[in-house]
Amino acid sequence: MTQVNIPDVLFQEVEKSLPNAVSPDDFVVMAVREKLTSEGRKKEFFKLSDQTRSALMEQGLTESDVLKEFEATRHSLNG
């Protein structure tokens, strides 16, 4: 099994903050899984943002055009 070295100070903080039902090892595994999920979502967000930007540029639209349309739509919905 691969090992990861956690500085003693950090490990002590983990131990202090845990409920009795969770071991430090389980806590670290859960934290890493949460971080990996977050990073996956971030990667997907950037991918979709890049695709949207490319599609807008292909249509000849600028950021200013999109913002103007957003404001016009927002004002028409709010009356």
PDB file of N, CA and C in Angstrom:
ATOM      1  N   MET A   1       0.843  -1.178   0.000  1.00  0.00           N
ATOM      2  CA  MET A   1       0.000   0.000   0.000  1.00  0.00           C
ATOM      3  C   MET A   1       0.890   1.243   0.000  1.00  0.00           C
ATOM      4  N   THR A   2       0.509   2.236  -0.779  1.00  0.00           N
ATOM      5  CA  THR A   2       1.234   3.501  -0.832  1.00  0.00           C
ATOM      6  C   THR A   2       1.008   4.269   0.461  1.00  0.00           C
ATOM      7  N   GLN A   3       2.054   4.935   0.919  1.00  0.00           N
ATOM      8  CA  GLN A   3       1.930   5.739   2.125  1.00  0.00           C
ATOM      9  C   GLN A   3       2.138   7.205   1.790  1.00  0.00           C
ATOM     10  N   VAL A   4       1.438   8.042   2.545  1.00  0.00           N
ATOM     11  CA  VAL A   4       1.572   9.485   2.422  1.00  0.00           C
ATOM     12  C   VAL A   4       1.998  10.007   3.781  1.00  0.00           C
ATOM     13  N   ASN A   5       3.006  10.837   3.803  1.00  0.00           N
ATOM     14  CA  ASN A   5       3.467  11.416   5.063  1.00  0.00           C
ATOM     15  C   ASN A   5       2.729  12.729   5.321  1.00  0.00           C
ATOM     16  N   ILE A   6       2.076  12.787   6.458  1.00  0.00           N
ATOM     17  CA  ILE A   6       1.354  13.981   6.877  1.00  0.00           C
ATOM     18  C   ILE A   6       2.148  14.592   8.023  1.00  0.00           C
ATOM     19  N   PRO A   7       2.449  15.885   7.931  1.00  0.00           N
ATOM     20  CA  PRO A   7       3.191  16.518   9.028  1.00  0.00           C
ATOM     21  C   PRO A   7       2.482  16.283  10.368  1.00  0.00           C
ATOM     22  N   ASP A   8       3.272  16.043  11.398  1.00  0.00           N
ATOM     23  CA  ASP A   8       2.727  15.745  12.730  1.00  0.00           C
ATOM     24  C   ASP A   8       1.745  16.811  13.201  1.00  0.00           C
ATOM     25  N   VAL A   9       2.074  18.065  12.972  1.00  0.00           N
ATOM     26  CA  VAL A   9       1.199  19.157  13.419  1.00  0.00           C
ATOM     27  C   VAL A   9      -0.176  19.041  12.761  1.00  0.00           C
ATOM     28  N   LEU A  10      -0.211  18.764  11.478  1.00  0.00           N
ATOM     29  CA  LEU A  10      -1.471  18.622  10.765  1.00  0.00           C
ATOM     30  C   LEU A  10      -2.225  17.388  11.258  1.00  0.00           C
ATOM     31  N   PHE A  11      -1.521  16.313  11.452  1.00  0.00           N
ATOM     32  CA  PHE A  11      -2.155  15.085  11.929  1.00  0.00           C
ATOM     33  C   PHE A  11      -2.790  15.306  13.295  1.00  0.00           C
ATOM     34  N   GLN A  12      -2.107  16.040  14.151  1.00  0.00           N
ATOM     35  CA  GLN A  12      -2.651  16.339  15.478  1.00  0.00           C
ATOM     36  C   GLN A  12      -3.918  17.183  15.370  1.00  0.00           C
ATOM     37  N   GLU A  13      -3.945  18.122  14.427  1.00  0.00           N
ATOM     38  CA  GLU A  13      -5.149  18.929  14.212  1.00  0.00           C
ATOM     39  C   GLU A  13      -6.315  18.045  13.764  1.00  0.00           C
ATOM     40  N   VAL A  14      -6.009  17.104  12.887  1.00  0.00           N
ATOM     41  CA  VAL A  14      -7.036  16.176  12.418  1.00  0.00           C
ATOM     42  C   VAL A  14      -7.586  15.384  13.595  1.00  0.00           C
ATOM     43  N   GLU A  15      -6.715  14.837  14.392  1.00  0.00           N
ATOM     44  CA  GLU A  15      -7.141  14.035  15.549  1.00  0.00           C
ATOM     45  C   GLU A  15      -8.011  14.842  16.514  1.00  0.00           C
ATOM     46  N   LYS A  16      -7.650  16.088  16.754  1.00  0.00           N
ATOM     47  CA  LYS A  16      -8.407  16.932  17.682  1.00  0.00           C
ATOM     48  C   LYS A  16      -9.816  17.235  17.182  1.00  0.00           C
ATOM     49  N   SER A  17      -9.976  17.361  15.895  1.00  0.00           N
ATOM     50  CA  SER A  17     -11.252  17.816  15.349  1.00  0.00           C
ATOM     51  C   SER A  17     -12.215  16.688  14.990  1.00  0.00           C
ATOM     52  N   LEU A  18     -11.782  15.446  15.120  1.00  0.00           N
ATOM     53  CA  LEU A  18     -12.622  14.327  14.692  1.00  0.00           C
ATOM     54  C   LEU A  18     -13.618  13.889  15.751  1.00  0.00           C
ATOM     55  N   PRO A  19     -14.807  13.487  15.285  1.00  0.00           N
ATOM     56  CA  PRO A  19     -15.710  12.817  16.218  1.00  0.00           C
ATOM     57  C   PRO A  19     -15.135  11.431  16.538  1.00  0.00           C
ATOM     58  N   ASN A  20     -15.522  10.873  17.640  1.00  0.00           N
ATOM     59  CA  ASN A  20     -14.979   9.576  18.062  1.00  0.00           C
ATOM     60  C   ASN A  20     -15.218   8.452  17.070  1.00  0.00           C
ATOM     61  N   ALA A  21     -16.252   8.574  16.250  1.00  0.00           N
ATOM     62  CA  ALA A  21     -16.617   7.503  15.332  1.00  0.00           C
ATOM     63  C   ALA A  21     -15.733   7.453  14.076  1.00  0.00           C
ATOM     64  N   VAL A  22     -14.904   8.464  13.862  1.00  0.00           N
ATOM     65  CA  VAL A  22     -14.102   8.529  12.639  1.00  0.00           C
ATOM     66  C   VAL A  22     -12.621   8.443  12.994  1.00  0.00           C
ATOM     67  N   SER A  23     -11.932   7.534  12.310  1.00  0.00           N
ATOM     68  CA  SER A  23     -10.495   7.424  12.536  1.00  0.00           C
ATOM     69  C   SER A  23      -9.774   8.458  11.678  1.00  0.00           C
ATOM     70  N   PRO A  24      -8.564   8.842  12.076  1.00  0.00           N
ATOM     71  CA  PRO A  24      -7.797   9.781  11.236  1.00  0.00           C
ATOM     72  C   PRO A  24      -7.603   9.254   9.814  1.00  0.00           C
ATOM     73  N   ASP A  25      -7.357   7.955   9.679  1.00  0.00           N
ATOM     74  CA  ASP A  25      -7.178   7.374   8.343  1.00  0.00           C
ATOM     75  C   ASP A  25      -8.437   7.541   7.496  1.00  0.00           C
ATOM     76  N   ASP A  26      -9.599   7.226   8.098  1.00  0.00           N
ATOM     77  CA  ASP A  26     -10.862   7.369   7.366  1.00  0.00           C
ATOM     78  C   ASP A  26     -11.116   8.826   6.995  1.00  0.00           C
ATOM     79  N   PHE A  27     -10.791   9.729   7.910  1.00  0.00           N
ATOM     80  CA  PHE A  27     -10.973  11.155   7.651  1.00  0.00           C
ATOM     81  C   PHE A  27     -10.142  11.595   6.448  1.00  0.00           C
ATOM     82  N   VAL A  28      -8.894  11.185   6.409  1.00  0.00           N
ATOM     83  CA  VAL A  28      -8.009  11.578   5.300  1.00  0.00           C
ATOM     84  C   VAL A  28      -8.516  11.000   3.993  1.00  0.00           C
ATOM     85  N   VAL A  29      -8.961   9.753   4.005  1.00  0.00           N
ATOM     86  CA  VAL A  29      -9.498   9.143   2.785  1.00  0.00           C
ATOM     87  C   VAL A  29     -10.720   9.916   2.305  1.00  0.00           C
ATOM     88  N   MET A  30     -11.629  10.251   3.229  1.00  0.00           N
ATOM     89  CA  MET A  30     -12.825  11.027   2.851  1.00  0.00           C
ATOM     90  C   MET A  30     -12.443  12.399   2.309  1.00  0.00           C
ATOM     91  N   ALA A  31     -11.475  13.051   2.938  1.00  0.00           N
ATOM     92  CA  ALA A  31     -11.058  14.387   2.494  1.00  0.00           C
ATOM     93  C   ALA A  31     -10.455  14.335   1.097  1.00  0.00           C
ATOM     94  N   VAL A  32      -9.650  13.322   0.835  1.00  0.00           N
ATOM     95  CA  VAL A  32      -9.041  13.196  -0.495  1.00  0.00           C
ATOM     96  C   VAL A  32     -10.116  12.919  -1.540  1.00  0.00           C
ATOM     97  N   ARG A  33     -11.079  12.067  -1.205  1.00  0.00           N
ATOM     98  CA  ARG A  33     -12.170  11.791  -2.158  1.00  0.00           C
ATOM     99  C   ARG A  33     -12.966  13.062  -2.458  1.00  0.00           C
ATOM    100  N   GLU A  34     -13.264  13.844  -1.418  1.00  0.00           N
ATOM    101  CA  GLU A  34     -13.991  15.104  -1.627  1.00  0.00           C
ATOM    102  C   GLU A  34     -13.199  16.043  -2.528  1.00  0.00           C
ATOM    103  N   LYS A  35     -11.904  16.136  -2.289  1.00  0.00           N
ATOM    104  CA  LYS A  35     -11.056  17.016  -3.096  1.00  0.00           C
ATOM    105  C   LYS A  35     -10.999  16.545  -4.544  1.00  0.00           C
ATOM    106  N   LEU A  36     -10.894  15.236  -4.756  1.00  0.00           N
ATOM    107  CA  LEU A  36     -10.869  14.706  -6.116  1.00  0.00           C
ATOM    108  C   LEU A  36     -12.179  14.997  -6.845  1.00  0.00           C
ATOM    109  N   THR A  37     -13.295  14.865  -6.145  1.00  0.00           N
ATOM    110  CA  THR A  37     -14.595  15.181  -6.731  1.00  0.00           C
ATOM    111  C   THR A  37     -14.656  16.660  -7.107  1.00  0.00           C
ATOM    112  N   SER A  38     -14.194  17.507  -6.216  1.00  0.00           N
ATOM    113  CA  SER A  38     -14.177  18.946  -6.467  1.00  0.00           C
ATOM    114  C   SER A  38     -13.304  19.286  -7.672  1.00  0.00           C
ATOM    115  N   GLU A  39     -12.143  18.681  -7.738  1.00  0.00           N
ATOM    116  CA  GLU A  39     -11.242  18.942  -8.861  1.00  0.00           C
ATOM    117  C   GLU A  39     -11.849  18.458 -10.181  1.00  0.00           C
ATOM    118  N   GLY A  40     -12.561  17.336 -10.137  1.00  0.00           N
ATOM    119  CA  GLY A  40     -13.232  16.836 -11.343  1.00  0.00           C
ATOM    120  C   GLY A  40     -14.302  17.797 -11.817  1.00  0.00           C
ATOM    121  N   ARG A  41     -15.060  18.343 -10.878  1.00  0.00           N
ATOM    122  CA  ARG A  41     -16.097  19.321 -11.236  1.00  0.00           C
ATOM    123  C   ARG A  41     -15.480  20.593 -11.803  1.00  0.00           C
ATOM    124  N   LYS A  42     -14.381  21.017 -11.200  1.00  0.00           N
ATOM    125  CA  LYS A  42     -13.702  22.222 -11.682  1.00  0.00           C
ATOM    126  C   LYS A  42     -13.197  22.001 -13.110  1.00  0.00           C
ATOM    127  N   LYS A  43     -12.623  20.841 -13.354  1.00  0.00           N
ATOM    128  CA  LYS A  43     -12.113  20.521 -14.692  1.00  0.00           C
ATOM    129  C   LYS A  43     -13.251  20.539 -15.708  1.00  0.00           C
ATOM    130  N   GLU A  44     -14.393  19.961 -15.345  1.00  0.00           N
ATOM    131  CA  GLU A  44     -15.557  19.949 -16.239  1.00  0.00           C
ATOM    132  C   GLU A  44     -16.072  21.368 -16.489  1.00  0.00           C
ATOM    133  N   PHE A  45     -16.095  22.199 -15.442  1.00  0.00           N
ATOM    134  CA  PHE A  45     -16.531  23.585 -15.586  1.00  0.00           C
ATOM    135  C   PHE A  45     -15.646  24.332 -16.591  1.00  0.00           C
ATOM    136  N   PHE A  46     -14.332  24.187 -16.456  1.00  0.00           N
ATOM    137  CA  PHE A  46     -13.424  24.868 -17.370  1.00  0.00           C
ATOM    138  C   PHE A  46     -13.576  24.344 -18.790  1.00  0.00           C
ATOM    139  N   LYS A  47     -13.807  23.054 -18.933  1.00  0.00           N
ATOM    140  CA  LYS A  47     -14.006  22.473 -20.264  1.00  0.00           C
ATOM    141  C   LYS A  47     -15.253  23.069 -20.910  1.00  0.00           C
ATOM    142  N   LEU A  48     -16.351  23.123 -20.151  1.00  0.00           N
ATOM    143  CA  LEU A  48     -17.592  23.684 -20.689  1.00  0.00           C
ATOM    144  C   LEU A  48     -17.455  25.177 -20.978  1.00  0.00           C
ATOM    145  N   SER A  49     -16.738  25.892 -20.119  1.00  0.00           N
ATOM    146  CA  SER A  49     -16.508  27.323 -20.339  1.00  0.00           C
ATOM    147  C   SER A  49     -15.725  27.551 -21.626  1.00  0.00           C
ATOM    148  N   ASP A  50     -14.707  26.740 -21.838  1.00  0.00           N
ATOM    149  CA  ASP A  50     -13.919  26.867 -23.068  1.00  0.00           C
ATOM    150  C   ASP A  50     -14.764  26.568 -24.303  1.00  0.00           C
ATOM    151  N   GLN A  51     -15.615  25.538 -24.212  1.00  0.00           N
ATOM    152  CA  GLN A  51     -16.485  25.203 -25.340  1.00  0.00           C
ATOM    153  C   GLN A  51     -17.477  26.332 -25.631  1.00  0.00           C
ATOM    154  N   THR A  52     -18.024  26.912 -24.573  1.00  0.00           N
ATOM    155  CA  THR A  52     -18.973  28.024 -24.739  1.00  0.00           C
ATOM    156  C   THR A  52     -18.280  29.226 -25.362  1.00  0.00           C
ATOM    157  N   ARG A  53     -17.082  29.551 -24.863  1.00  0.00           N
ATOM    158  CA  ARG A  53     -16.320  30.675 -25.409  1.00  0.00           C
ATOM    159  C   ARG A  53     -16.035  30.458 -26.891  1.00  0.00           C
ATOM    160  N   SER A  54     -15.632  29.257 -27.244  1.00  0.00           N
ATOM    161  CA  SER A  54     -15.340  28.951 -28.648  1.00  0.00           C
ATOM    162  C   SER A  54     -16.581  29.091 -29.518  1.00  0.00           C
ATOM    163  N   ALA A  55     -17.710  28.604 -29.021  1.00  0.00           N
ATOM    164  CA  ALA A  55     -18.957  28.691 -29.787  1.00  0.00           C
ATOM    165  C   ALA A  55     -19.371  30.144 -29.988  1.00  0.00           C
ATOM    166  N   LEU A  56     -19.218  30.963 -28.948  1.00  0.00           N
ATOM    167  CA  LEU A  56     -19.560  32.385 -29.071  1.00  0.00           C
ATOM    168  C   LEU A  56     -18.649  33.077 -30.080  1.00  0.00           C
ATOM    169  N   MET A  57     -17.371  32.761 -30.013  1.00  0.00           N
ATOM    170  CA  MET A  57     -16.420  33.384 -30.944  1.00  0.00           C
ATOM    171  C   MET A  57     -16.708  32.969 -32.384  1.00  0.00           C
ATOM    172  N   GLU A  58     -17.089  31.705 -32.590  1.00  0.00           N
ATOM    173  CA  GLU A  58     -17.419  31.237 -33.938  1.00  0.00           C
ATOM    174  C   GLU A  58     -18.617  31.990 -34.502  1.00  0.00           C
ATOM    175  N   GLN A  59     -19.523  32.409 -33.618  1.00  0.00           N
ATOM    176  CA  GLN A  59     -20.708  33.162 -34.048  1.00  0.00           C
ATOM    177  C   GLN A  59     -20.430  34.661 -34.143  1.00  0.00           C
ATOM    178  N   GLY A  60     -19.217  35.061 -33.798  1.00  0.00           N
ATOM    179  CA  GLY A  60     -18.847  36.466 -33.878  1.00  0.00           C
ATOM    180  C   GLY A  60     -19.350  37.297 -32.710  1.00  0.00           C
ATOM    181  N   LEU A  61     -19.722  36.643 -31.625  1.00  0.00           N
ATOM    182  CA  LEU A  61     -20.227  37.362 -30.458  1.00  0.00           C
ATOM    183  C   LEU A  61     -19.095  37.694 -29.497  1.00  0.00           C
ATOM    184  N   THR A  62     -19.224  38.841 -28.856  1.00  0.00           N
ATOM    185  CA  THR A  62     -18.226  39.253 -27.869  1.00  0.00           C
ATOM    186  C   THR A  62     -18.838  39.153 -26.467  1.00  0.00           C
ATOM    187  N   GLU A  63     -18.000  39.289 -25.481  1.00  0.00           N
ATOM    188  CA  GLU A  63     -18.477  39.299 -24.096  1.00  0.00           C
ATOM    189  C   GLU A  63     -19.468  40.444 -23.901  1.00  0.00           C
ATOM    190  N   SER A  64     -19.175  41.577 -24.498  1.00  0.00           N
ATOM    191  CA  SER A  64     -20.055  42.742 -24.398  1.00  0.00           C
ATOM    192  C   SER A  64     -21.429  42.435 -24.980  1.00  0.00           C
ATOM    193  N   ASP A  65     -21.471  41.740 -26.112  1.00  0.00           N
ATOM    194  CA  ASP A  65     -22.748  41.356 -26.732  1.00  0.00           C
ATOM    195  C   ASP A  65     -23.570  40.488 -25.785  1.00  0.00           C
ATOM    196  N   VAL A  66     -22.925  39.530 -25.164  1.00  0.00           N
ATOM    197  CA  VAL A  66     -23.609  38.607 -24.256  1.00  0.00           C
ATOM    198  C   VAL A  66     -24.136  39.363 -23.040  1.00  0.00           C
ATOM    199  N   LEU A  67     -23.326  40.251 -22.488  1.00  0.00           N
ATOM    200  CA  LEU A  67     -23.756  41.022 -21.318  1.00  0.00           C
ATOM    201  C   LEU A  67     -24.927  41.941 -21.644  1.00  0.00           C
ATOM    202  N   LYS A  68     -24.896  42.575 -22.817  1.00  0.00           N
ATOM    203  CA  LYS A  68     -26.008  43.438 -23.230  1.00  0.00           C
ATOM    204  C   LYS A  68     -27.297  42.628 -23.366  1.00  0.00           C
ATOM    205  N   GLU A  69     -27.201  41.450 -23.961  1.00  0.00           N
ATOM    206  CA  GLU A  69     -28.375  40.589 -24.125  1.00  0.00           C
ATOM    207  C   GLU A  69     -28.892  40.128 -22.761  1.00  0.00           C
ATOM    208  N   PHE A  70     -27.986  39.796 -21.871  1.00  0.00           N
ATOM    209  CA  PHE A  70     -28.369  39.382 -20.522  1.00  0.00           C
ATOM    210  C   PHE A  70     -29.135  40.505 -19.824  1.00  0.00           C
ATOM    211  N   GLU A  71     -28.602  41.712 -19.874  1.00  0.00           N
ATOM    212  CA  GLU A  71     -29.254  42.858 -19.220  1.00  0.00           C
ATOM    213  C   GLU A  71     -30.619  43.134 -19.833  1.00  0.00           C
ATOM    214  N   ALA A  72     -30.716  43.068 -21.152  1.00  0.00           N
ATOM    215  CA  ALA A  72     -32.001  43.321 -21.816  1.00  0.00           C
ATOM    216  C   ALA A  72     -33.028  42.272 -21.407  1.00  0.00           C
ATOM    217  N   THR A  73     -32.616  41.029 -21.341  1.00  0.00           N
ATOM    218  CA  THR A  73     -33.516  39.949 -20.938  1.00  0.00           C
ATOM    219  C   THR A  73     -33.920  40.106 -19.480  1.00  0.00           C
ATOM    220  N   ARG A  74     -32.976  40.446 -18.643  1.00  0.00           N
ATOM    221  CA  ARG A  74     -33.246  40.603 -17.208  1.00  0.00           C
ATOM    222  C   ARG A  74     -34.243  41.729 -16.972  1.00  0.00           C
ATOM    223  N   HIS A  75     -34.048  42.837 -17.680  1.00  0.00           N
ATOM    224  CA  HIS A  75     -34.972  43.979 -17.514  1.00  0.00           C
ATOM    225  C   HIS A  75     -36.366  43.635 -18.031  1.00  0.00           C
ATOM    226  N   SER A  76     -36.446  42.892 -19.118  1.00  0.00           N
ATOM    227  CA  SER A  76     -37.767  42.540 -19.663  1.00  0.00           C
ATOM    228  C   SER A  76     -38.491  41.565 -18.727  1.00  0.00           C
ATOM    229  N   LEU A  77     -37.779  40.722 -18.018  1.00  0.00           N
ATOM    230  CA  LEU A  77     -38.401  39.780 -17.081  1.00  0.00           C
ATOM    231  C   LEU A  77     -38.846  40.470 -15.795  1.00  0.00           C
ATOM    232  N   ASN A  78     -38.112  41.510 -15.388  1.00  0.00           N
ATOM    233  CA  ASN A  78     -38.421  42.223 -14.144  1.00  0.00           C
ATOM    234  C   ASN A  78     -39.445  43.340 -14.358  1.00  0.00           C
ATOM    235  N   GLY A  79     -39.771  43.594 -15.600  1.00  0.00           N
ATOM    236  CA  GLY A  79     -40.789  44.624 -15.890  1.00  0.00           C
ATOM    237  C   GLY A  79     -40.227  45.937 -15.976  1.00  0.00           C
TER     238      GLY A  79
END
